[in-house]
Amino acid sequence: MKKSVLTRYRVMAYVTGVLLVLLTLGVIAKYLLDVNGADGFTSVVGIAHGWLYVIYLIFAFDLGSKAKWPVKKQLWVLLAGTIPTAAFFVERRVSHELEATVAQSAPAVAEA
């Protein structure tokens, strides 16, 4: 497995996680705090999260298939982008697990 597969998953996990947290805060502001203008904010962030979540799904599935994860683990990683803050914790755990694998599969660099 290449490091780029893990890197692009990590980037999308963070982007998806941040957008989901912002969306959650926007919904709280809109419905619980009755903040004017929160409607437009939640619309824009919600649409952005929806489209970028699809890209997250593609990258997470690619990572899981190359890492040969069992179906349960793959589903948990895929769903992490729908639970506020879960993407951060799942990304960290996945990165720790796979960094050793990526380092072992990387070719050794010759020193001069």
N, C-alpha and C. Protein backbone atom coordinates (compact mmCIF):
# COMPACT_ATOMS: atom_id res chain seq x y z
N MET A 1 0.85 -1.17 0.00
CA MET A 1 0.00 0.00 0.00
C MET A 1 0.90 1.24 0.00
N LYS A 2 0.51 2.23 -0.79
CA LYS A 2 1.29 3.46 -0.89
C LYS A 2 0.87 4.46 0.17
N LYS A 3 1.82 5.30 0.55
CA LYS A 3 1.56 6.33 1.54
C LYS A 3 0.52 7.32 1.03
N SER A 4 0.46 7.54 -0.29
CA SER A 4 -0.50 8.50 -0.84
C SER A 4 -1.95 8.08 -0.59
N VAL A 5 -2.20 6.79 -0.56
CA VAL A 5 -3.55 6.29 -0.28
C VAL A 5 -3.96 6.68 1.14
N LEU A 6 -3.05 6.50 2.08
CA LEU A 6 -3.33 6.88 3.47
C LEU A 6 -3.44 8.39 3.61
N THR A 7 -2.58 9.13 2.94
CA THR A 7 -2.58 10.59 3.04
C THR A 7 -3.89 11.18 2.53
N ARG A 8 -4.35 10.74 1.38
CA ARG A 8 -5.59 11.31 0.85
C ARG A 8 -6.79 10.93 1.71
N TYR A 9 -6.78 9.74 2.31
CA TYR A 9 -7.84 9.39 3.25
C TYR A 9 -7.79 10.32 4.45
N ARG A 10 -6.60 10.56 4.99
CA ARG A 10 -6.46 11.42 6.17
C ARG A 10 -6.96 12.83 5.90
N VAL A 11 -6.61 13.38 4.75
CA VAL A 11 -7.05 14.73 4.40
C VAL A 11 -8.57 14.78 4.33
N MET A 12 -9.18 13.81 3.66
CA MET A 12 -10.64 13.83 3.52
C MET A 12 -11.32 13.56 4.86
N ALA A 13 -10.71 12.77 5.73
CA ALA A 13 -11.29 12.55 7.06
C ALA A 13 -11.33 13.85 7.84
N TYR A 14 -10.25 14.61 7.78
CA TYR A 14 -10.24 15.89 8.49
C TYR A 14 -11.23 16.88 7.89
N VAL A 15 -11.24 16.98 6.56
CA VAL A 15 -12.16 17.92 5.90
C VAL A 15 -13.61 17.56 6.22
N THR A 16 -13.93 16.29 6.10
CA THR A 16 -15.29 15.83 6.39
C THR A 16 -15.64 16.07 7.85
N GLY A 17 -14.70 15.78 8.75
CA GLY A 17 -14.94 15.98 10.18
C GLY A 17 -15.17 17.44 10.54
N VAL A 18 -14.35 18.32 9.99
CA VAL A 18 -14.51 19.75 10.28
C VAL A 18 -15.84 20.26 9.75
N LEU A 19 -16.18 19.89 8.52
CA LEU A 19 -17.46 20.34 7.96
C LEU A 19 -18.64 19.80 8.76
N LEU A 20 -18.54 18.58 9.24
CA LEU A 20 -19.64 18.02 10.02
C LEU A 20 -19.79 18.71 11.37
N VAL A 21 -18.68 19.06 11.99
CA VAL A 21 -18.74 19.81 13.25
C VAL A 21 -19.35 21.19 13.00
N LEU A 22 -18.92 21.86 11.92
CA LEU A 22 -19.50 23.16 11.58
C LEU A 22 -20.99 23.05 11.29
N LEU A 23 -21.38 22.00 10.60
CA LEU A 23 -22.80 21.79 10.29
C LEU A 23 -23.60 21.57 11.57
N THR A 24 -23.05 20.79 12.48
CA THR A 24 -23.72 20.55 13.76
C THR A 24 -23.89 21.85 14.54
N LEU A 25 -22.83 22.66 14.58
CA LEU A 25 -22.93 23.95 15.27
C LEU A 25 -23.94 24.87 14.59
N GLY A 26 -24.00 24.82 13.25
CA GLY A 26 -24.97 25.62 12.53
C GLY A 26 -26.40 25.21 12.81
N VAL A 27 -26.63 23.92 12.91
CA VAL A 27 -27.97 23.41 13.22
C VAL A 27 -28.37 23.80 14.65
N ILE A 28 -27.42 23.72 15.57
CA ILE A 28 -27.69 24.14 16.94
C ILE A 28 -28.04 25.63 16.98
N ALA A 29 -27.25 26.43 16.25
CA ALA A 29 -27.52 27.87 16.21
C ALA A 29 -28.87 28.16 15.57
N LYS A 30 -29.21 27.41 14.55
CA LYS A 30 -30.46 27.65 13.83
C LYS A 30 -31.69 27.27 14.65
N TYR A 31 -31.67 26.09 15.22
CA TYR A 31 -32.87 25.57 15.88
C TYR A 31 -32.94 25.82 17.39
N LEU A 32 -31.81 25.77 18.07
CA LEU A 32 -31.84 25.95 19.52
C LEU A 32 -31.63 27.40 19.94
N LEU A 33 -30.77 28.11 19.23
CA LEU A 33 -30.46 29.49 19.61
C LEU A 33 -31.20 30.52 18.77
N ASP A 34 -31.87 30.06 17.73
CA ASP A 34 -32.67 30.91 16.84
C ASP A 34 -31.84 32.08 16.29
N VAL A 35 -30.64 31.75 15.77
CA VAL A 35 -29.75 32.76 15.22
C VAL A 35 -30.16 33.06 13.78
N ASN A 36 -30.33 34.34 13.48
CA ASN A 36 -30.64 34.74 12.11
C ASN A 36 -29.41 34.53 11.24
N GLY A 37 -29.60 34.06 10.02
CA GLY A 37 -28.49 33.83 9.11
C GLY A 37 -27.92 32.43 9.20
N ALA A 38 -28.28 31.68 10.20
CA ALA A 38 -27.76 30.31 10.33
C ALA A 38 -28.33 29.41 9.25
N ASP A 39 -29.47 29.79 8.68
CA ASP A 39 -30.10 28.98 7.64
C ASP A 39 -29.21 28.87 6.41
N GLY A 40 -28.69 30.01 5.95
CA GLY A 40 -27.80 30.01 4.79
C GLY A 40 -26.51 29.27 5.06
N PHE A 41 -25.98 29.46 6.27
CA PHE A 41 -24.74 28.79 6.66
C PHE A 41 -24.90 27.27 6.63
N THR A 42 -25.98 26.79 7.23
CA THR A 42 -26.19 25.33 7.27
C THR A 42 -26.43 24.77 5.87
N SER A 43 -27.06 25.54 5.01
CA SER A 43 -27.28 25.08 3.64
C SER A 43 -25.96 24.90 2.90
N VAL A 44 -25.11 25.91 2.97
CA VAL A 44 -23.83 25.86 2.26
C VAL A 44 -22.93 24.77 2.82
N VAL A 45 -22.80 24.73 4.14
CA VAL A 45 -21.92 23.73 4.76
C VAL A 45 -22.50 22.32 4.56
N GLY A 46 -23.81 22.19 4.61
CA GLY A 46 -24.44 20.88 4.40
C GLY A 46 -24.20 20.35 3.00
N ILE A 47 -24.31 21.21 2.00
CA ILE A 47 -24.06 20.79 0.62
C ILE A 47 -22.59 20.42 0.43
N ALA A 48 -21.69 21.26 0.98
CA ALA A 48 -20.26 20.98 0.88
C ALA A 48 -19.92 19.65 1.55
N HIS A 49 -20.47 19.43 2.74
CA HIS A 49 -20.20 18.17 3.44
C HIS A 49 -20.74 16.98 2.65
N GLY A 50 -21.91 17.12 2.09
CA GLY A 50 -22.50 16.02 1.32
C GLY A 50 -21.63 15.60 0.14
N TRP A 51 -21.17 16.57 -0.64
CA TRP A 51 -20.34 16.25 -1.80
C TRP A 51 -18.97 15.72 -1.39
N LEU A 52 -18.38 16.34 -0.39
CA LEU A 52 -17.05 15.89 0.03
C LEU A 52 -17.11 14.56 0.77
N TYR A 53 -18.25 14.25 1.38
CA TYR A 53 -18.41 12.95 2.02
C TYR A 53 -18.37 11.83 0.98
N VAL A 54 -18.89 12.09 -0.20
CA VAL A 54 -18.83 11.09 -1.27
C VAL A 54 -17.38 10.81 -1.64
N ILE A 55 -16.56 11.86 -1.72
CA ILE A 55 -15.14 11.67 -2.00
C ILE A 55 -14.47 10.93 -0.84
N TYR A 56 -14.84 11.27 0.39
CA TYR A 56 -14.33 10.56 1.57
C TYR A 56 -14.66 9.07 1.48
N LEU A 57 -15.89 8.74 1.09
CA LEU A 57 -16.28 7.34 0.96
C LEU A 57 -15.40 6.60 -0.05
N ILE A 58 -15.13 7.25 -1.18
CA ILE A 58 -14.29 6.62 -2.21
C ILE A 58 -12.89 6.37 -1.67
N PHE A 59 -12.30 7.38 -1.04
CA PHE A 59 -10.93 7.23 -0.51
C PHE A 59 -10.87 6.23 0.63
N ALA A 60 -11.87 6.24 1.51
CA ALA A 60 -11.89 5.30 2.64
C ALA A 60 -12.07 3.87 2.13
N PHE A 61 -12.93 3.69 1.15
CA PHE A 61 -13.13 2.35 0.58
C PHE A 61 -11.85 1.86 -0.10
N ASP A 62 -11.19 2.75 -0.82
CA ASP A 62 -9.93 2.39 -1.48
C ASP A 62 -8.89 1.98 -0.44
N LEU A 63 -8.78 2.75 0.63
CA LEU A 63 -7.83 2.42 1.69
C LEU A 63 -8.17 1.08 2.32
N GLY A 64 -9.44 0.87 2.64
CA GLY A 64 -9.86 -0.38 3.27
C GLY A 64 -9.63 -1.59 2.40
N SER A 65 -9.87 -1.45 1.10
CA SER A 65 -9.67 -2.59 0.21
C SER A 65 -8.18 -2.91 0.05
N LYS A 66 -7.35 -1.88 0.02
CA LYS A 66 -5.90 -2.11 -0.09
C LYS A 66 -5.31 -2.62 1.22
N ALA A 67 -5.91 -2.23 2.35
CA ALA A 67 -5.44 -2.71 3.65
C ALA A 67 -6.06 -4.07 4.00
N LYS A 68 -7.00 -4.52 3.20
CA LYS A 68 -7.69 -5.82 3.39
C LYS A 68 -8.39 -5.89 4.75
N TRP A 69 -9.18 -4.84 5.03
CA TRP A 69 -9.94 -4.80 6.26
C TRP A 69 -11.15 -5.71 6.19
N PRO A 70 -11.59 -6.24 7.33
CA PRO A 70 -12.86 -6.97 7.35
C PRO A 70 -14.02 -5.99 7.12
N VAL A 71 -15.16 -6.51 6.72
CA VAL A 71 -16.31 -5.68 6.35
C VAL A 71 -16.75 -4.79 7.51
N LYS A 72 -16.79 -5.30 8.73
CA LYS A 72 -17.23 -4.50 9.88
C LYS A 72 -16.35 -3.26 10.08
N LYS A 73 -15.05 -3.45 9.98
CA LYS A 73 -14.14 -2.32 10.14
C LYS A 73 -14.33 -1.32 9.00
N GLN A 74 -14.48 -1.83 7.80
CA GLN A 74 -14.68 -0.96 6.63
C GLN A 74 -15.95 -0.12 6.81
N LEU A 75 -17.03 -0.73 7.27
CA LEU A 75 -18.28 0.00 7.47
C LEU A 75 -18.13 1.06 8.56
N TRP A 76 -17.42 0.74 9.63
CA TRP A 76 -17.23 1.72 10.71
C TRP A 76 -16.46 2.94 10.19
N VAL A 77 -15.41 2.71 9.40
CA VAL A 77 -14.63 3.82 8.85
C VAL A 77 -15.49 4.64 7.88
N LEU A 78 -16.30 3.98 7.08
CA LEU A 78 -17.17 4.69 6.14
C LEU A 78 -18.21 5.53 6.87
N LEU A 79 -18.76 5.02 7.95
CA LEU A 79 -19.79 5.76 8.70
C LEU A 79 -19.22 6.85 9.60
N ALA A 80 -17.92 6.84 9.83
CA ALA A 80 -17.31 7.83 10.72
C ALA A 80 -17.51 9.26 10.22
N GLY A 81 -17.70 9.42 8.93
CA GLY A 81 -17.92 10.75 8.38
C GLY A 81 -19.32 11.29 8.61
N THR A 82 -20.18 10.51 9.25
CA THR A 82 -21.55 10.95 9.51
C THR A 82 -21.80 11.25 10.98
N ILE A 83 -20.84 10.95 11.83
CA ILE A 83 -20.99 11.15 13.27
C ILE A 83 -20.03 12.28 13.67
N PRO A 84 -20.56 13.40 14.21
CA PRO A 84 -19.67 14.51 14.56
C PRO A 84 -18.52 14.07 15.46
N THR A 85 -17.34 14.45 15.10
CA THR A 85 -16.04 14.19 15.74
C THR A 85 -15.54 12.76 15.59
N ALA A 86 -16.36 11.83 15.15
CA ALA A 86 -15.90 10.44 15.01
C ALA A 86 -14.80 10.31 13.95
N ALA A 87 -14.88 11.10 12.91
CA ALA A 87 -13.88 11.02 11.84
C ALA A 87 -12.48 11.29 12.38
N PHE A 88 -12.35 12.19 13.35
CA PHE A 88 -11.03 12.50 13.91
C PHE A 88 -10.45 11.31 14.66
N PHE A 89 -11.27 10.68 15.48
CA PHE A 89 -10.80 9.55 16.28
C PHE A 89 -10.52 8.32 15.42
N VAL A 90 -11.39 8.05 14.48
CA VAL A 90 -11.20 6.89 13.60
C VAL A 90 -9.98 7.10 12.72
N GLU A 91 -9.81 8.32 12.20
CA GLU A 91 -8.64 8.61 11.36
C GLU A 91 -7.35 8.40 12.14
N ARG A 92 -7.31 8.85 13.37
CA ARG A 92 -6.10 8.71 14.18
C ARG A 92 -5.78 7.23 14.43
N ARG A 93 -6.80 6.47 14.74
CA ARG A 93 -6.59 5.04 15.00
C ARG A 93 -6.13 4.31 13.74
N VAL A 94 -6.79 4.60 12.62
CA VAL A 94 -6.43 3.96 11.36
C VAL A 94 -5.00 4.33 10.96
N SER A 95 -4.65 5.61 11.12
CA SER A 95 -3.31 6.06 10.76
C SER A 95 -2.24 5.36 11.58
N HIS A 96 -2.47 5.23 12.88
CA HIS A 96 -1.49 4.53 13.73
C HIS A 96 -1.34 3.08 13.30
N GLU A 97 -2.44 2.44 12.96
CA GLU A 97 -2.38 1.03 12.55
C GLU A 97 -1.64 0.85 11.23
N LEU A 98 -1.85 1.77 10.30
CA LEU A 98 -1.33 1.57 8.95
C LEU A 98 0.02 2.22 8.69
N GLU A 99 0.46 3.13 9.54
CA GLU A 99 1.75 3.78 9.29
C GLU A 99 2.90 2.79 9.30
N ALA A 100 2.86 1.80 10.15
CA ALA A 100 3.91 0.78 10.17
C ALA A 100 3.89 -0.04 8.89
N THR A 101 2.70 -0.36 8.41
CA THR A 101 2.57 -1.12 7.17
C THR A 101 3.10 -0.33 5.99
N VAL A 102 2.77 0.96 5.96
CA VAL A 102 3.24 1.82 4.87
C VAL A 102 4.76 1.95 4.91
N ALA A 103 5.33 2.09 6.10
CA ALA A 103 6.77 2.22 6.24
C ALA A 103 7.49 0.95 5.79
N GLN A 104 6.92 -0.21 6.07
CA GLN A 104 7.54 -1.48 5.68
C GLN A 104 7.49 -1.69 4.18
N SER A 105 6.44 -1.22 3.53
CA SER A 105 6.30 -1.43 2.10
C SER A 105 7.06 -0.40 1.27
N ALA A 106 7.51 0.68 1.91
CA ALA A 106 8.26 1.71 1.19
C ALA A 106 9.68 1.20 0.91
N PRO A 107 10.21 1.50 -0.28
CA PRO A 107 11.57 1.06 -0.58
C PRO A 107 12.59 1.82 0.26
N ALA A 108 13.64 1.14 0.60
CA ALA A 108 14.70 1.75 1.42
C ALA A 108 15.43 2.81 0.60
N VAL A 109 15.76 3.92 1.24
CA VAL A 109 16.47 4.99 0.57
C VAL A 109 17.96 4.81 0.84
N ALA A 110 18.74 4.79 -0.22
CA ALA A 110 20.19 4.60 -0.08
C ALA A 110 20.82 5.88 0.44
N GLU A 111 21.68 5.75 1.45
CA GLU A 111 22.38 6.91 1.99
C GLU A 111 23.71 7.07 1.29
N ALA A 112 24.11 8.30 1.12
CA ALA A 112 25.38 8.59 0.41
C ALA A 112 26.54 8.64 1.37
